[in-house]
Amino acid sequence: MGILDAFGSIASALVGGIVMLAFVILSLFVTVFVVDVAASIAGLNPDDGFVTLGATILAGSAILAGGVGFATPEVSP
């Protein structure tokens, strides 16, 4: 049963990675839209590269902030 457990772990890690990649791409698209709308509301007309850079920084920091809580080990009493 050890070999089947290993394949199950690999499969679940691959599926989890694909799902997380899909969420990253989706969140980047949404954040690009939000940054573009916010810039137009403010009366700014930035280049597309700056909109993409701002959206990437915002999406990346949100992803990192969401994953930081899982990195702390449990302290047993």
N, C-alpha and C. Protein backbone atom coordinates (compact mmCIF):
# COMPACT_ATOMS: atom_id res chain seq x y z
N MET A 1 0.80 -1.19 0.00
CA MET A 1 0.00 0.00 0.00
C MET A 1 0.85 1.26 0.00
N GLY A 2 2.12 1.19 0.27
CA GLY A 2 2.97 2.36 0.30
C GLY A 2 3.11 3.01 -1.06
N ILE A 3 3.17 2.19 -2.13
CA ILE A 3 3.32 2.74 -3.47
C ILE A 3 2.05 3.48 -3.88
N LEU A 4 0.90 2.91 -3.56
CA LEU A 4 -0.36 3.58 -3.90
C LEU A 4 -0.52 4.88 -3.12
N ASP A 5 -0.07 4.90 -1.89
CA ASP A 5 -0.14 6.14 -1.10
C ASP A 5 0.77 7.21 -1.70
N ALA A 6 1.92 6.80 -2.19
CA ALA A 6 2.85 7.75 -2.81
C ALA A 6 2.25 8.34 -4.08
N PHE A 7 1.63 7.49 -4.91
CA PHE A 7 0.99 8.00 -6.13
C PHE A 7 -0.19 8.91 -5.80
N GLY A 8 -0.92 8.59 -4.75
CA GLY A 8 -2.02 9.45 -4.32
C GLY A 8 -1.53 10.80 -3.85
N SER A 9 -0.41 10.81 -3.14
CA SER A 9 0.17 12.07 -2.68
C SER A 9 0.66 12.91 -3.84
N ILE A 10 1.30 12.25 -4.81
CA ILE A 10 1.78 12.98 -5.98
C ILE A 10 0.61 13.54 -6.78
N ALA A 11 -0.44 12.74 -6.96
CA ALA A 11 -1.61 13.20 -7.71
C ALA A 11 -2.29 14.36 -7.01
N SER A 12 -2.42 14.28 -5.70
CA SER A 12 -3.08 15.37 -4.99
C SER A 12 -2.23 16.64 -5.01
N ALA A 13 -0.92 16.50 -4.97
CA ALA A 13 -0.05 17.67 -5.05
C ALA A 13 -0.14 18.31 -6.44
N LEU A 14 -0.20 17.50 -7.48
CA LEU A 14 -0.33 18.04 -8.84
C LEU A 14 -1.67 18.74 -9.04
N VAL A 15 -2.75 18.12 -8.57
CA VAL A 15 -4.07 18.74 -8.70
C VAL A 15 -4.13 20.04 -7.90
N GLY A 16 -3.57 20.03 -6.69
CA GLY A 16 -3.53 21.24 -5.88
C GLY A 16 -2.72 22.35 -6.54
N GLY A 17 -1.61 21.99 -7.16
CA GLY A 17 -0.79 22.97 -7.86
C GLY A 17 -1.50 23.57 -9.06
N ILE A 18 -2.21 22.74 -9.79
CA ILE A 18 -2.95 23.23 -10.96
C ILE A 18 -4.08 24.16 -10.53
N VAL A 19 -4.77 23.79 -9.46
CA VAL A 19 -5.86 24.64 -8.96
C VAL A 19 -5.31 25.97 -8.46
N MET A 20 -4.20 25.94 -7.73
CA MET A 20 -3.61 27.19 -7.24
C MET A 20 -3.12 28.06 -8.40
N LEU A 21 -2.56 27.46 -9.44
CA LEU A 21 -2.13 28.22 -10.61
C LEU A 21 -3.32 28.88 -11.30
N ALA A 22 -4.43 28.16 -11.39
CA ALA A 22 -5.64 28.73 -11.99
C ALA A 22 -6.14 29.91 -11.16
N PHE A 23 -6.12 29.78 -9.83
CA PHE A 23 -6.55 30.89 -8.98
C PHE A 23 -5.61 32.08 -9.08
N VAL A 24 -4.32 31.84 -9.24
CA VAL A 24 -3.37 32.94 -9.39
C VAL A 24 -3.65 33.70 -10.68
N ILE A 25 -3.87 33.00 -11.76
CA ILE A 25 -4.15 33.64 -13.04
C ILE A 25 -5.46 34.41 -12.97
N LEU A 26 -6.48 33.82 -12.35
CA LEU A 26 -7.77 34.49 -12.22
C LEU A 26 -7.65 35.75 -11.35
N SER A 27 -6.94 35.64 -10.25
CA SER A 27 -6.79 36.81 -9.37
C SER A 27 -5.97 37.90 -10.05
N LEU A 28 -5.01 37.54 -10.88
CA LEU A 28 -4.24 38.55 -11.60
C LEU A 28 -5.12 39.29 -12.60
N PHE A 29 -5.98 38.57 -13.33
CA PHE A 29 -6.88 39.23 -14.27
C PHE A 29 -7.84 40.18 -13.56
N VAL A 30 -8.39 39.73 -12.44
CA VAL A 30 -9.30 40.58 -11.68
C VAL A 30 -8.57 41.81 -11.15
N THR A 31 -7.35 41.62 -10.66
CA THR A 31 -6.59 42.74 -10.11
C THR A 31 -6.18 43.72 -11.21
N VAL A 32 -5.87 43.24 -12.40
CA VAL A 32 -5.57 44.14 -13.52
C VAL A 32 -6.78 45.00 -13.83
N PHE A 33 -7.96 44.39 -13.83
CA PHE A 33 -9.18 45.15 -14.07
C PHE A 33 -9.40 46.20 -12.99
N VAL A 34 -9.20 45.82 -11.73
CA VAL A 34 -9.41 46.75 -10.62
C VAL A 34 -8.42 47.91 -10.69
N VAL A 35 -7.16 47.62 -10.96
CA VAL A 35 -6.15 48.69 -11.04
C VAL A 35 -6.45 49.60 -12.23
N ASP A 36 -6.87 49.06 -13.34
CA ASP A 36 -7.18 49.88 -14.51
C ASP A 36 -8.37 50.79 -14.24
N VAL A 37 -9.42 50.25 -13.61
CA VAL A 37 -10.60 51.06 -13.29
C VAL A 37 -10.25 52.14 -12.27
N ALA A 38 -9.45 51.78 -11.25
CA ALA A 38 -9.06 52.76 -10.24
C ALA A 38 -8.23 53.88 -10.85
N ALA A 39 -7.36 53.56 -11.78
CA ALA A 39 -6.56 54.59 -12.43
C ALA A 39 -7.43 55.49 -13.29
N SER A 40 -8.42 54.94 -13.96
CA SER A 40 -9.30 55.78 -14.79
C SER A 40 -10.21 56.64 -13.93
N ILE A 41 -10.63 56.15 -12.76
CA ILE A 41 -11.44 56.95 -11.85
C ILE A 41 -10.60 58.13 -11.33
N ALA A 42 -9.33 57.89 -11.09
CA ALA A 42 -8.45 58.95 -10.59
C ALA A 42 -8.03 59.92 -11.69
N GLY A 43 -8.41 59.64 -12.92
CA GLY A 43 -8.06 60.52 -14.02
C GLY A 43 -6.68 60.27 -14.58
N LEU A 44 -6.12 59.12 -14.28
CA LEU A 44 -4.78 58.78 -14.77
C LEU A 44 -4.90 57.88 -15.99
N ASN A 45 -3.89 57.91 -16.83
CA ASN A 45 -3.85 57.06 -18.00
C ASN A 45 -2.48 56.40 -18.08
N PRO A 46 -2.20 55.44 -17.19
CA PRO A 46 -0.88 54.81 -17.20
C PRO A 46 -0.73 53.82 -18.37
N ASP A 47 0.52 53.53 -18.69
CA ASP A 47 0.79 52.51 -19.72
C ASP A 47 0.32 51.16 -19.21
N ASP A 48 0.12 50.25 -20.17
CA ASP A 48 -0.33 48.91 -19.80
C ASP A 48 0.69 48.17 -18.95
N GLY A 49 1.97 48.46 -19.16
CA GLY A 49 3.01 47.80 -18.37
C GLY A 49 2.94 48.17 -16.90
N PHE A 50 2.63 49.43 -16.62
CA PHE A 50 2.52 49.86 -15.24
C PHE A 50 1.27 49.30 -14.56
N VAL A 51 0.18 49.18 -15.32
CA VAL A 51 -1.03 48.56 -14.78
C VAL A 51 -0.76 47.11 -14.44
N THR A 52 -0.08 46.41 -15.34
CA THR A 52 0.23 45.00 -15.09
C THR A 52 1.20 44.85 -13.92
N LEU A 53 2.17 45.75 -13.81
CA LEU A 53 3.11 45.70 -12.70
C LEU A 53 2.40 45.93 -11.37
N GLY A 54 1.54 46.93 -11.32
CA GLY A 54 0.80 47.20 -10.08
C GLY A 54 -0.11 46.05 -9.70
N ALA A 55 -0.78 45.46 -10.68
CA ALA A 55 -1.66 44.33 -10.40
C ALA A 55 -0.87 43.11 -9.95
N THR A 56 0.29 42.90 -10.53
CA THR A 56 1.12 41.76 -10.15
C THR A 56 1.63 41.91 -8.73
N ILE A 57 2.04 43.12 -8.36
CA ILE A 57 2.51 43.35 -6.99
C ILE A 57 1.38 43.14 -6.00
N LEU A 58 0.18 43.66 -6.31
CA LEU A 58 -0.95 43.48 -5.40
C LEU A 58 -1.37 42.02 -5.28
N ALA A 59 -1.46 41.32 -6.40
CA ALA A 59 -1.87 39.91 -6.37
C ALA A 59 -0.81 39.05 -5.67
N GLY A 60 0.46 39.32 -5.94
CA GLY A 60 1.52 38.54 -5.30
C GLY A 60 1.58 38.76 -3.81
N SER A 61 1.40 39.99 -3.37
CA SER A 61 1.42 40.24 -1.92
C SER A 61 0.21 39.63 -1.24
N ALA A 62 -0.94 39.62 -1.90
CA ALA A 62 -2.12 38.97 -1.32
C ALA A 62 -1.92 37.46 -1.20
N ILE A 63 -1.29 36.87 -2.20
CA ILE A 63 -1.04 35.42 -2.16
C ILE A 63 -0.04 35.08 -1.07
N LEU A 64 1.01 35.89 -0.95
CA LEU A 64 2.00 35.65 0.10
C LEU A 64 1.41 35.86 1.49
N ALA A 65 0.59 36.89 1.64
CA ALA A 65 -0.03 37.14 2.95
C ALA A 65 -0.98 36.02 3.33
N GLY A 66 -1.63 35.44 2.36
CA GLY A 66 -2.55 34.33 2.64
C GLY A 66 -1.82 33.06 3.04
N GLY A 67 -0.61 32.87 2.54
CA GLY A 67 0.12 31.64 2.83
C GLY A 67 1.04 31.71 4.04
N VAL A 68 1.21 32.90 4.61
CA VAL A 68 2.14 33.05 5.72
C VAL A 68 1.63 32.32 6.96
N GLY A 69 0.34 32.31 7.18
CA GLY A 69 -0.23 31.67 8.36
C GLY A 69 0.00 30.17 8.40
N PHE A 70 0.17 29.56 7.25
CA PHE A 70 0.37 28.11 7.20
C PHE A 70 1.82 27.71 7.46
N ALA A 71 2.73 28.68 7.45
CA ALA A 71 4.14 28.36 7.59
C ALA A 71 4.58 28.27 9.04
N THR A 72 3.77 28.74 9.98
CA THR A 72 4.17 28.69 11.38
C THR A 72 3.91 27.32 11.95
N PRO A 73 4.89 26.72 12.60
CA PRO A 73 4.69 25.38 13.16
C PRO A 73 3.83 25.42 14.43
N GLU A 74 3.17 24.31 14.69
CA GLU A 74 2.37 24.21 15.90
C GLU A 74 3.28 24.03 17.11
N VAL A 75 2.92 24.67 18.19
CA VAL A 75 3.68 24.53 19.43
C VAL A 75 2.88 23.62 20.34
N SER A 76 3.47 22.51 20.71
CA SER A 76 2.77 21.59 21.61
C SER A 76 3.09 21.95 23.06
N PRO A 77 2.08 21.89 23.90
CA PRO A 77 2.31 22.29 25.31
C PRO A 77 3.16 21.33 26.07
